[in-house]
Amino acid sequence: MGYADLNSKYQRLRDDLEEAYAANVWDSNKIDRIADEMVETELALAGRVHATAPSDHSHL
């Protein structure tokens, strides 16, 4: 999954989480599932950014 796809997924998850918290009665299982998926997506995004960032040691 590319950066744009991951970013879109992350934004969708944020919207889902906002909707879950806006409900009259919170579904803690749903909130936990969304939060867990957000963490996985954040880590994937961070890995994509790290993989494309120039290394501090690239001149060696």
PDB file of N, CA and C in Angstrom:
ATOM      1  N   MET A   1       0.856  -1.170   0.000  1.00  0.00           N
ATOM      2  CA  MET A   1       0.000   0.000   0.000  1.00  0.00           C
ATOM      3  C   MET A   1       0.903   1.235   0.000  1.00  0.00           C
ATOM      4  N   GLY A   2       0.632   2.163  -0.902  1.00  0.00           N
ATOM      5  CA  GLY A   2       1.432   3.358  -1.021  1.00  0.00           C
ATOM      6  C   GLY A   2       1.089   4.411   0.018  1.00  0.00           C
ATOM      7  N   TYR A   3       1.897   5.464   0.036  1.00  0.00           N
ATOM      8  CA  TYR A   3       1.715   6.533   1.016  1.00  0.00           C
ATOM      9  C   TYR A   3       0.329   7.171   0.895  1.00  0.00           C
ATOM     10  N   ALA A   4      -0.108   7.462  -0.321  1.00  0.00           N
ATOM     11  CA  ALA A   4      -1.414   8.113  -0.511  1.00  0.00           C
ATOM     12  C   ALA A   4      -2.539   7.217  -0.008  1.00  0.00           C
ATOM     13  N   ASP A   5      -2.441   5.916  -0.283  1.00  0.00           N
ATOM     14  CA  ASP A   5      -3.463   4.980   0.194  1.00  0.00           C
ATOM     15  C   ASP A   5      -3.465   4.903   1.712  1.00  0.00           C
ATOM     16  N   LEU A   6      -2.285   4.840   2.311  1.00  0.00           N
ATOM     17  CA  LEU A   6      -2.183   4.797   3.770  1.00  0.00           C
ATOM     18  C   LEU A   6      -2.742   6.069   4.391  1.00  0.00           C
ATOM     19  N   ASN A   7      -2.433   7.200   3.788  1.00  0.00           N
ATOM     20  CA  ASN A   7      -2.916   8.475   4.306  1.00  0.00           C
ATOM     21  C   ASN A   7      -4.445   8.549   4.208  1.00  0.00           C
ATOM     22  N   SER A   8      -5.006   8.070   3.101  1.00  0.00           N
ATOM     23  CA  SER A   8      -6.466   8.045   2.950  1.00  0.00           C
ATOM     24  C   SER A   8      -7.093   7.127   3.997  1.00  0.00           C
ATOM     25  N   LYS A   9      -6.470   5.972   4.220  1.00  0.00           N
ATOM     26  CA  LYS A   9      -6.975   5.042   5.222  1.00  0.00           C
ATOM     27  C   LYS A   9      -6.939   5.678   6.608  1.00  0.00           C
ATOM     28  N   TYR A  10      -5.852   6.379   6.914  1.00  0.00           N
ATOM     29  CA  TYR A  10      -5.720   7.030   8.213  1.00  0.00           C
ATOM     30  C   TYR A  10      -6.812   8.088   8.396  1.00  0.00           C
ATOM     31  N   GLN A  11      -7.055   8.880   7.369  1.00  0.00           N
ATOM     32  CA  GLN A  11      -8.096   9.907   7.456  1.00  0.00           C
ATOM     33  C   GLN A  11      -9.473   9.273   7.654  1.00  0.00           C
ATOM     34  N   ARG A  12      -9.735   8.159   6.952  1.00  0.00           N
ATOM     35  CA  ARG A  12     -11.008   7.456   7.111  1.00  0.00           C
ATOM     36  C   ARG A  12     -11.158   6.931   8.534  1.00  0.00           C
ATOM     37  N   LEU A  13     -10.071   6.385   9.072  1.00  0.00           N
ATOM     38  CA  LEU A  13     -10.109   5.870  10.440  1.00  0.00           C
ATOM     39  C   LEU A  13     -10.356   6.989  11.445  1.00  0.00           C
ATOM     40  N   ARG A  14      -9.748   8.153  11.220  1.00  0.00           N
ATOM     41  CA  ARG A  14      -9.998   9.300  12.104  1.00  0.00           C
ATOM     42  C   ARG A  14     -11.465   9.690  12.071  1.00  0.00           C
ATOM     43  N   ASP A  15     -12.051   9.693  10.871  1.00  0.00           N
ATOM     44  CA  ASP A  15     -13.477  10.008  10.739  1.00  0.00           C
ATOM     45  C   ASP A  15     -14.320   8.959  11.458  1.00  0.00           C
ATOM     46  N   ASP A  16     -13.951   7.682  11.281  1.00  0.00           N
ATOM     47  CA  ASP A  16     -14.682   6.594  11.956  1.00  0.00           C
ATOM     48  C   ASP A  16     -14.597   6.742  13.472  1.00  0.00           C
ATOM     49  N   LEU A  17     -13.422   7.098  13.968  1.00  0.00           N
ATOM     50  CA  LEU A  17     -13.237   7.251  15.410  1.00  0.00           C
ATOM     51  C   LEU A  17     -14.050   8.436  15.934  1.00  0.00           C
ATOM     52  N   GLU A  18     -14.044   9.523  15.188  1.00  0.00           N
ATOM     53  CA  GLU A  18     -14.837  10.696  15.583  1.00  0.00           C
ATOM     54  C   GLU A  18     -16.323  10.337  15.634  1.00  0.00           C
ATOM     55  N   GLU A  19     -16.774   9.581  14.646  1.00  0.00           N
ATOM     56  CA  GLU A  19     -18.173   9.146  14.609  1.00  0.00           C
ATOM     57  C   GLU A  19     -18.485   8.219  15.786  1.00  0.00           C
ATOM     58  N   ALA A  20     -17.563   7.318  16.102  1.00  0.00           N
ATOM     59  CA  ALA A  20     -17.772   6.383  17.216  1.00  0.00           C
ATOM     60  C   ALA A  20     -17.876   7.130  18.546  1.00  0.00           C
ATOM     61  N   TYR A  21     -17.048   8.157  18.718  1.00  0.00           N
ATOM     62  CA  TYR A  21     -17.103   8.943  19.950  1.00  0.00           C
ATOM     63  C   TYR A  21     -18.333   9.851  20.006  1.00  0.00           C
ATOM     64  N   ALA A  22     -18.893  10.193  18.845  1.00  0.00           N
ATOM     65  CA  ALA A  22     -20.066  11.066  18.809  1.00  0.00           C
ATOM     66  C   ALA A  22     -21.360  10.317  19.110  1.00  0.00           C
ATOM     67  N   ALA A  23     -21.294   8.987  19.087  1.00  0.00           N
ATOM     68  CA  ALA A  23     -22.492   8.189  19.349  1.00  0.00           C
ATOM     69  C   ALA A  23     -22.987   8.418  20.771  1.00  0.00           C
ATOM     70  N   ASN A  24     -24.296   8.298  20.953  1.00  0.00           N
ATOM     71  CA  ASN A  24     -24.886   8.468  22.288  1.00  0.00           C
ATOM     72  C   ASN A  24     -24.332   7.457  23.275  1.00  0.00           C
ATOM     73  N   VAL A  25     -24.153   6.231  22.800  1.00  0.00           N
ATOM     74  CA  VAL A  25     -23.570   5.175  23.626  1.00  0.00           C
ATOM     75  C   VAL A  25     -22.316   4.692  22.912  1.00  0.00           C
ATOM     76  N   TRP A  26     -21.191   4.793  23.593  1.00  0.00           N
ATOM     77  CA  TRP A  26     -19.927   4.378  22.994  1.00  0.00           C
ATOM     78  C   TRP A  26     -19.830   2.863  22.922  1.00  0.00           C
ATOM     79  N   ASP A  27     -19.378   2.379  21.791  1.00  0.00           N
ATOM     80  CA  ASP A  27     -19.082   0.966  21.595  1.00  0.00           C
ATOM     81  C   ASP A  27     -17.563   0.824  21.789  1.00  0.00           C
ATOM     82  N   SER A  28     -17.161   0.467  23.011  1.00  0.00           N
ATOM     83  CA  SER A  28     -15.732   0.451  23.336  1.00  0.00           C
ATOM     84  C   SER A  28     -14.958  -0.541  22.477  1.00  0.00           C
ATOM     85  N   ASN A  29     -15.587  -1.642  22.080  1.00  0.00           N
ATOM     86  CA  ASN A  29     -14.906  -2.600  21.204  1.00  0.00           C
ATOM     87  C   ASN A  29     -14.611  -1.989  19.838  1.00  0.00           C
ATOM     88  N   LYS A  30     -15.569  -1.245  19.305  1.00  0.00           N
ATOM     89  CA  LYS A  30     -15.377  -0.571  18.019  1.00  0.00           C
ATOM     90  C   LYS A  30     -14.293   0.499  18.135  1.00  0.00           C
ATOM     91  N   ILE A  31     -14.334   1.275  19.198  1.00  0.00           N
ATOM     92  CA  ILE A  31     -13.341   2.324  19.410  1.00  0.00           C
ATOM     93  C   ILE A  31     -11.948   1.720  19.536  1.00  0.00           C
ATOM     94  N   ASP A  32     -11.828   0.635  20.291  1.00  0.00           N
ATOM     95  CA  ASP A  32     -10.532  -0.032  20.441  1.00  0.00           C
ATOM     96  C   ASP A  32     -10.022  -0.580  19.109  1.00  0.00           C
ATOM     97  N   ARG A  33     -10.923  -1.175  18.323  1.00  0.00           N
ATOM     98  CA  ARG A  33     -10.534  -1.729  17.022  1.00  0.00           C
ATOM     99  C   ARG A  33     -10.032  -0.625  16.096  1.00  0.00           C
ATOM    100  N   ILE A  34     -10.751   0.482  16.052  1.00  0.00           N
ATOM    101  CA  ILE A  34     -10.356   1.611  15.211  1.00  0.00           C
ATOM    102  C   ILE A  34      -9.009   2.161  15.679  1.00  0.00           C
ATOM    103  N   ALA A  35      -8.854   2.327  16.981  1.00  0.00           N
ATOM    104  CA  ALA A  35      -7.600   2.861  17.527  1.00  0.00           C
ATOM    105  C   ALA A  35      -6.429   1.936  17.200  1.00  0.00           C
ATOM    106  N   ASP A  36      -6.637   0.634  17.328  1.00  0.00           N
ATOM    107  CA  ASP A  36      -5.570  -0.317  17.000  1.00  0.00           C
ATOM    108  C   ASP A  36      -5.184  -0.229  15.528  1.00  0.00           C
ATOM    109  N   GLU A  37      -6.188  -0.113  14.665  1.00  0.00           N
ATOM    110  CA  GLU A  37      -5.917  -0.007  13.236  1.00  0.00           C
ATOM    111  C   GLU A  37      -5.222   1.317  12.906  1.00  0.00           C
ATOM    112  N   MET A  38      -5.572   2.370  13.648  1.00  0.00           N
ATOM    113  CA  MET A  38      -4.905   3.662  13.447  1.00  0.00           C
ATOM    114  C   MET A  38      -3.419   3.559  13.791  1.00  0.00           C
ATOM    115  N   VAL A  39      -3.106   2.876  14.885  1.00  0.00           N
ATOM    116  CA  VAL A  39      -1.710   2.713  15.282  1.00  0.00           C
ATOM    117  C   VAL A  39      -0.940   1.974  14.192  1.00  0.00           C
ATOM    118  N   GLU A  40      -1.513   0.886  13.683  1.00  0.00           N
ATOM    119  CA  GLU A  40      -0.864   0.129  12.611  1.00  0.00           C
ATOM    120  C   GLU A  40      -0.626   1.011  11.384  1.00  0.00           C
ATOM    121  N   THR A  41      -1.616   1.823  11.061  1.00  0.00           N
ATOM    122  CA  THR A  41      -1.511   2.700   9.896  1.00  0.00           C
ATOM    123  C   THR A  41      -0.480   3.798  10.140  1.00  0.00           C
ATOM    124  N   GLU A  42      -0.456   4.359  11.347  1.00  0.00           N
ATOM    125  CA  GLU A  42       0.547   5.377  11.680  1.00  0.00           C
ATOM    126  C   GLU A  42       1.954   4.804  11.559  1.00  0.00           C
ATOM    127  N   LEU A  43       2.150   3.590  12.046  1.00  0.00           N
ATOM    128  CA  LEU A  43       3.463   2.954  11.956  1.00  0.00           C
ATOM    129  C   LEU A  43       3.848   2.711  10.496  1.00  0.00           C
ATOM    130  N   ALA A  44       2.900   2.292   9.684  1.00  0.00           N
ATOM    131  CA  ALA A  44       3.168   2.085   8.267  1.00  0.00           C
ATOM    132  C   ALA A  44       3.515   3.407   7.589  1.00  0.00           C
ATOM    133  N   LEU A  45       2.784   4.465   7.931  1.00  0.00           N
ATOM    134  CA  LEU A  45       3.087   5.787   7.373  1.00  0.00           C
ATOM    135  C   LEU A  45       4.474   6.251   7.801  1.00  0.00           C
ATOM    136  N   ALA A  46       4.799   6.047   9.066  1.00  0.00           N
ATOM    137  CA  ALA A  46       6.116   6.458   9.567  1.00  0.00           C
ATOM    138  C   ALA A  46       7.215   5.677   8.855  1.00  0.00           C
ATOM    139  N   GLY A  47       6.975   4.410   8.593  1.00  0.00           N
ATOM    140  CA  GLY A  47       7.951   3.602   7.872  1.00  0.00           C
ATOM    141  C   GLY A  47       8.141   4.093   6.456  1.00  0.00           C
ATOM    142  N   ARG A  48       7.050   4.514   5.808  1.00  0.00           N
ATOM    143  CA  ARG A  48       7.136   5.055   4.444  1.00  0.00           C
ATOM    144  C   ARG A  48       7.929   6.352   4.434  1.00  0.00           C
ATOM    145  N   VAL A  49       7.669   7.216   5.404  1.00  0.00           N
ATOM    146  CA  VAL A  49       8.372   8.496   5.468  1.00  0.00           C
ATOM    147  C   VAL A  49       9.846   8.253   5.756  1.00  0.00           C
ATOM    148  N   HIS A  50      10.125   7.343   6.696  1.00  0.00           N
ATOM    149  CA  HIS A  50      11.508   7.044   7.063  1.00  0.00           C
ATOM    150  C   HIS A  50      12.253   6.434   5.883  1.00  0.00           C
ATOM    151  N   ALA A  51      11.602   5.567   5.130  1.00  0.00           N
ATOM    152  CA  ALA A  51      12.244   4.888   4.011  1.00  0.00           C
ATOM    153  C   ALA A  51      12.586   5.852   2.883  1.00  0.00           C
ATOM    154  N   THR A  52      11.829   6.938   2.759  1.00  0.00           N
ATOM    155  CA  THR A  52      12.079   7.882   1.673  1.00  0.00           C
ATOM    156  C   THR A  52      12.903   9.089   2.116  1.00  0.00           C
ATOM    157  N   ALA A  53      13.120   9.241   3.417  1.00  0.00           N
ATOM    158  CA  ALA A  53      13.898  10.382   3.913  1.00  0.00           C
ATOM    159  C   ALA A  53      15.376  10.147   3.654  1.00  0.00           C
ATOM    160  N   PRO A  54      16.092  11.202   3.293  1.00  0.00           N
ATOM    161  CA  PRO A  54      17.530  11.038   3.089  1.00  0.00           C
ATOM    162  C   PRO A  54      18.225  10.699   4.393  1.00  0.00           C
ATOM    163  N   SER A  55      19.181   9.851   4.330  1.00  0.00           N
ATOM    164  CA  SER A  55      19.928   9.420   5.515  1.00  0.00           C
ATOM    165  C   SER A  55      20.922  10.498   5.915  1.00  0.00           C
ATOM    166  N   ASP A  56      21.138  10.621   7.228  1.00  0.00           N
ATOM    167  CA  ASP A  56      22.153  11.546   7.730  1.00  0.00           C
ATOM    168  C   ASP A  56      23.550  11.069   7.336  1.00  0.00           C
ATOM    169  N   HIS A  57      23.654   9.789   7.011  1.00  0.00           N
ATOM    170  CA  HIS A  57      24.962   9.207   6.679  1.00  0.00           C
ATOM    171  C   HIS A  57      25.105   8.919   5.200  1.00  0.00           C
ATOM    172  N   SER A  58      24.293   9.574   4.366  1.00  0.00           N
ATOM    173  CA  SER A  58      24.316   9.287   2.941  1.00  0.00           C
ATOM    174  C   SER A  58      25.614   9.735   2.289  1.00  0.00           C
ATOM    175  N   HIS A  59      26.357  10.611   2.955  1.00  0.00           N
ATOM    176  CA  HIS A  59      27.614  11.094   2.370  1.00  0.00           C
ATOM    177  C   HIS A  59      28.767  10.127   2.628  1.00  0.00           C
ATOM    178  N   LEU A  60      28.563   9.110   3.444  1.00  0.00           N
ATOM    179  CA  LEU A  60      29.632   8.143   3.752  1.00  0.00           C
ATOM    180  C   LEU A  60      29.812   7.137   2.668  1.00  0.00           C
TER     181      LEU A  60
END
